[in-house]
């Protein structure tokens, strides 16, 4: 993993190459907390859609402060969680875990939104509209 400073140094070393100016302007958005490329793409779609940057790998705690579940992305203050569900979520054991997790988060007042590859690659405006609507509702 590299830091934003490392990326700036690398971009400066290639200043004459095409696209480096654009790359340099995007370095401030780099965040190494994503666990997969699709999580990063999802975060960038939200930012490009004019929404505030969501927090990657957001931990949700119980009433005692014990970390129970980690969300791909989320807005803690609004209790809106965002998940990218890829192929790994089709496994039977994973599905059981996901249902238990969804039920707990719902009972705790979290409004969860789930997206797949179809949303990411074919319907990015649907993603931003869905999250914008979730953020507009009052926190429970």
C-alpha atoms as a PDB file:
ATOM      1  CA  UNK A   1       0.000   0.000   0.000  1.00  0.00           C
ATOM      2  CA  UNK A   2       1.174   3.517  -0.712  1.00  0.00           C
ATOM      3  CA  UNK A   3       0.325   6.855   0.823  1.00  0.00           C
ATOM      4  CA  UNK A   4      -1.095   9.867  -0.959  1.00  0.00           C
ATOM      5  CA  UNK A   5       2.348  11.474  -0.630  1.00  0.00           C
ATOM      6  CA  UNK A   6       3.887   8.461  -2.397  1.00  0.00           C
ATOM      7  CA  UNK A   7       1.351   8.856  -5.207  1.00  0.00           C
ATOM      8  CA  UNK A   8       2.146  12.558  -5.554  1.00  0.00           C
ATOM      9  CA  UNK A   9       5.871  11.794  -5.801  1.00  0.00           C
ATOM     10  CA  UNK A  10       5.207   9.136  -8.435  1.00  0.00           C
ATOM     11  CA  UNK A  11       2.940  11.453 -10.440  1.00  0.00           C
ATOM     12  CA  UNK A  12       5.603  14.163 -10.345  1.00  0.00           C
ATOM     13  CA  UNK A  13       8.171  11.689 -11.696  1.00  0.00           C
ATOM     14  CA  UNK A  14       5.950  11.187 -14.754  1.00  0.00           C
ATOM     15  CA  UNK A  15       4.841  14.787 -15.248  1.00  0.00           C
ATOM     16  CA  UNK A  16       5.372  14.663 -19.031  1.00  0.00           C
ATOM     17  CA  UNK A  17       3.056  11.706 -19.597  1.00  0.00           C
ATOM     18  CA  UNK A  18      -0.467  12.121 -20.889  1.00  0.00           C
ATOM     19  CA  UNK A  19      -3.114  11.955 -18.143  1.00  0.00           C
ATOM     20  CA  UNK A  20      -0.761  12.716 -15.251  1.00  0.00           C
ATOM     21  CA  UNK A  21      -2.450  16.046 -14.524  1.00  0.00           C
ATOM     22  CA  UNK A  22      -5.803  14.275 -14.181  1.00  0.00           C
ATOM     23  CA  UNK A  23      -4.227  11.526 -12.067  1.00  0.00           C
ATOM     24  CA  UNK A  24      -2.673  14.134  -9.772  1.00  0.00           C
ATOM     25  CA  UNK A  25      -6.074  15.785  -9.284  1.00  0.00           C
ATOM     26  CA  UNK A  26      -7.582  12.447  -8.213  1.00  0.00           C
ATOM     27  CA  UNK A  27      -4.922  11.506  -5.658  1.00  0.00           C
ATOM     28  CA  UNK A  28      -6.822  13.270  -2.866  1.00  0.00           C
ATOM     29  CA  UNK A  29      -9.612  10.712  -3.358  1.00  0.00           C
ATOM     30  CA  UNK A  30      -7.313   7.710  -2.900  1.00  0.00           C
ATOM     31  CA  UNK A  31      -8.141   5.597   0.132  1.00  0.00           C
ATOM     32  CA  UNK A  32      -6.522   2.248   0.837  1.00  0.00           C
ATOM     33  CA  UNK A  33      -9.214   0.911   3.155  1.00  0.00           C
ATOM     34  CA  UNK A  34     -11.338  -0.710   0.432  1.00  0.00           C
ATOM     35  CA  UNK A  35     -11.203  -4.497   0.339  1.00  0.00           C
ATOM     36  CA  UNK A  36     -11.875  -4.741  -3.393  1.00  0.00           C
ATOM     37  CA  UNK A  37     -11.845  -2.624  -6.524  1.00  0.00           C
ATOM     38  CA  UNK A  38     -15.651  -2.510  -6.648  1.00  0.00           C
ATOM     39  CA  UNK A  39     -15.850  -0.897  -3.199  1.00  0.00           C
ATOM     40  CA  UNK A  40     -13.557   1.865  -4.428  1.00  0.00           C
ATOM     41  CA  UNK A  41     -15.609   2.289  -7.587  1.00  0.00           C
ATOM     42  CA  UNK A  42     -18.796   2.480  -5.527  1.00  0.00           C
ATOM     43  CA  UNK A  43     -17.285   5.167  -3.298  1.00  0.00           C
ATOM     44  CA  UNK A  44     -16.152   7.183  -6.323  1.00  0.00           C
ATOM     45  CA  UNK A  45     -19.586   6.938  -7.965  1.00  0.00           C
ATOM     46  CA  UNK A  46     -21.096   8.482  -4.832  1.00  0.00           C
ATOM     47  CA  UNK A  47     -18.520  11.281  -4.761  1.00  0.00           C
ATOM     48  CA  UNK A  48     -18.920  11.932  -8.504  1.00  0.00           C
ATOM     49  CA  UNK A  49     -22.683  12.056  -7.905  1.00  0.00           C
ATOM     50  CA  UNK A  50     -22.238  14.988  -5.542  1.00  0.00           C
ATOM     51  CA  UNK A  51     -22.664  13.078  -2.278  1.00  0.00           C
ATOM     52  CA  UNK A  52     -20.321  13.456   0.672  1.00  0.00           C
ATOM     53  CA  UNK A  53     -17.563  10.832   0.771  1.00  0.00           C
ATOM     54  CA  UNK A  54     -18.763   7.768   2.681  1.00  0.00           C
ATOM     55  CA  UNK A  55     -16.532   6.205   5.318  1.00  0.00           C
ATOM     56  CA  UNK A  56     -14.892   2.989   4.068  1.00  0.00           C
ATOM     57  CA  UNK A  57     -14.873  -0.100   6.312  1.00  0.00           C
ATOM     58  CA  UNK A  58     -17.153   1.496   8.896  1.00  0.00           C
ATOM     59  CA  UNK A  59     -17.479  -0.495  12.115  1.00  0.00           C
ATOM     60  CA  UNK A  60     -20.905  -0.697  13.756  1.00  0.00           C
ATOM     61  CA  UNK A  61     -20.875  -1.300  17.497  1.00  0.00           C
ATOM     62  CA  UNK A  62     -23.459  -2.598  19.922  1.00  0.00           C
ATOM     63  CA  UNK A  63     -24.739  -0.591  22.897  1.00  0.00           C
ATOM     64  CA  UNK A  64     -21.638  -1.608  24.891  1.00  0.00           C
ATOM     65  CA  UNK A  65     -19.267  -0.333  22.216  1.00  0.00           C
ATOM     66  CA  UNK A  66     -18.272  -3.799  20.996  1.00  0.00           C
ATOM     67  CA  UNK A  67     -17.509  -3.886  17.278  1.00  0.00           C
ATOM     68  CA  UNK A  68     -19.984  -6.269  15.685  1.00  0.00           C
ATOM     69  CA  UNK A  69     -20.193  -5.617  11.965  1.00  0.00           C
ATOM     70  CA  UNK A  70     -18.098  -3.806   9.424  1.00  0.00           C
ATOM     71  CA  UNK A  71     -19.795  -2.138   6.473  1.00  0.00           C
ATOM     72  CA  UNK A  72     -18.124  -1.635   3.087  1.00  0.00           C
ATOM     73  CA  UNK A  73     -19.122   2.039   3.167  1.00  0.00           C
ATOM     74  CA  UNK A  74     -21.363   4.155   5.312  1.00  0.00           C
ATOM     75  CA  UNK A  75     -22.535   7.416   6.753  1.00  0.00           C
ATOM     76  CA  UNK A  76     -22.347   6.914  10.509  1.00  0.00           C
ATOM     77  CA  UNK A  77     -24.313  10.019  11.548  1.00  0.00           C
ATOM     78  CA  UNK A  78     -27.194   9.181   9.196  1.00  0.00           C
ATOM     79  CA  UNK A  79     -26.987   5.431   9.914  1.00  0.00           C
ATOM     80  CA  UNK A  80     -26.877   4.596   6.210  1.00  0.00           C
ATOM     81  CA  UNK A  81     -24.783   1.584   5.261  1.00  0.00           C
ATOM     82  CA  UNK A  82     -23.703   0.628   1.761  1.00  0.00           C
ATOM     83  CA  UNK A  83     -22.566  -2.800   0.629  1.00  0.00           C
ATOM     84  CA  UNK A  84     -21.213  -4.192  -2.616  1.00  0.00           C
ATOM     85  CA  UNK A  85     -22.319  -7.805  -3.008  1.00  0.00           C
ATOM     86  CA  UNK A  86     -20.165  -9.813  -5.374  1.00  0.00           C
ATOM     87  CA  UNK A  87     -20.013 -13.549  -6.040  1.00  0.00           C
ATOM     88  CA  UNK A  88     -18.789 -14.373  -2.537  1.00  0.00           C
ATOM     89  CA  UNK A  89     -22.237 -13.483  -1.199  1.00  0.00           C
ATOM     90  CA  UNK A  90     -23.824 -16.391  -3.098  1.00  0.00           C
ATOM     91  CA  UNK A  91     -22.300 -19.014  -0.810  1.00  0.00           C
ATOM     92  CA  UNK A  92     -24.913 -20.623   1.494  1.00  0.00           C
ATOM     93  CA  UNK A  93     -22.991 -19.997   4.721  1.00  0.00           C
ATOM     94  CA  UNK A  94     -22.253 -16.438   3.683  1.00  0.00           C
ATOM     95  CA  UNK A  95     -25.940 -15.904   2.915  1.00  0.00           C
ATOM     96  CA  UNK A  96     -26.888 -17.069   6.433  1.00  0.00           C
ATOM     97  CA  UNK A  97     -24.342 -14.703   7.971  1.00  0.00           C
ATOM     98  CA  UNK A  98     -25.542 -11.839   5.756  1.00  0.00           C
ATOM     99  CA  UNK A  99     -29.198 -12.348   6.769  1.00  0.00           C
ATOM    100  CA  UNK A 100     -28.303 -12.363  10.477  1.00  0.00           C
ATOM    101  CA  UNK A 101     -26.243  -9.228   9.997  1.00  0.00           C
ATOM    102  CA  UNK A 102     -28.985  -7.443   8.001  1.00  0.00           C
ATOM    103  CA  UNK A 103     -31.577  -8.232  10.655  1.00  0.00           C
ATOM    104  CA  UNK A 104     -29.347  -6.933  13.466  1.00  0.00           C
ATOM    105  CA  UNK A 105     -28.443  -3.744  11.575  1.00  0.00           C
ATOM    106  CA  UNK A 106     -32.104  -3.099  10.745  1.00  0.00           C
ATOM    107  CA  UNK A 107     -33.114  -3.559  14.381  1.00  0.00           C
ATOM    108  CA  UNK A 108     -30.328  -1.141  15.372  1.00  0.00           C
ATOM    109  CA  UNK A 109     -31.771   1.537  13.056  1.00  0.00           C
ATOM    110  CA  UNK A 110     -29.381   1.226  10.115  1.00  0.00           C
ATOM    111  CA  UNK A 111     -30.766   1.754   6.621  1.00  0.00           C
ATOM    112  CA  UNK A 112     -28.743  -0.617   4.484  1.00  0.00           C
ATOM    113  CA  UNK A 113     -28.463  -0.406   0.717  1.00  0.00           C
ATOM    114  CA  UNK A 114     -26.941  -3.179  -1.384  1.00  0.00           C
ATOM    115  CA  UNK A 115     -25.508  -2.984  -4.875  1.00  0.00           C
ATOM    116  CA  UNK A 116     -24.181  -5.494  -7.394  1.00  0.00           C
ATOM    117  CA  UNK A 117     -22.074  -5.470 -10.522  1.00  0.00           C
ATOM    118  CA  UNK A 118     -25.120  -4.527 -12.624  1.00  0.00           C
ATOM    119  CA  UNK A 119     -25.626  -1.378 -10.561  1.00  0.00           C
ATOM    120  CA  UNK A 120     -21.950  -0.502 -10.585  1.00  0.00           C
ATOM    121  CA  UNK A 121     -21.355  -0.911 -14.307  1.00  0.00           C
ATOM    122  CA  UNK A 122     -24.760  -0.214 -15.840  1.00  0.00           C
ATOM    123  CA  UNK A 123     -26.729   1.941 -13.380  1.00  0.00           C
ATOM    124  CA  UNK A 124     -24.433   4.330 -11.488  1.00  0.00           C
ATOM    125  CA  UNK A 125     -27.174   6.980 -11.395  1.00  0.00           C
ATOM    126  CA  UNK A 126     -29.420   4.467  -9.615  1.00  0.00           C
ATOM    127  CA  UNK A 127     -26.740   4.129  -6.923  1.00  0.00           C
ATOM    128  CA  UNK A 128     -26.494   7.858  -6.286  1.00  0.00           C
ATOM    129  CA  UNK A 129     -30.278   8.330  -6.372  1.00  0.00           C
ATOM    130  CA  UNK A 130     -30.770   5.465  -3.902  1.00  0.00           C
ATOM    131  CA  UNK A 131     -28.187   6.771  -1.451  1.00  0.00           C
ATOM    132  CA  UNK A 132     -29.338  10.377  -1.814  1.00  0.00           C
ATOM    133  CA  UNK A 133     -32.877   9.253  -0.894  1.00  0.00           C
ATOM    134  CA  UNK A 134     -31.609   7.231   2.088  1.00  0.00           C
ATOM    135  CA  UNK A 135     -29.608  10.218   3.360  1.00  0.00           C
ATOM    136  CA  UNK A 136     -32.649  12.488   3.021  1.00  0.00           C
ATOM    137  CA  UNK A 137     -34.684  10.475   5.542  1.00  0.00           C
ATOM    138  CA  UNK A 138     -34.378  11.455   9.190  1.00  0.00           C
ATOM    139  CA  UNK A 139     -32.132   9.281  11.324  1.00  0.00           C
ATOM    140  CA  UNK A 140     -34.241   6.866  13.409  1.00  0.00           C
END
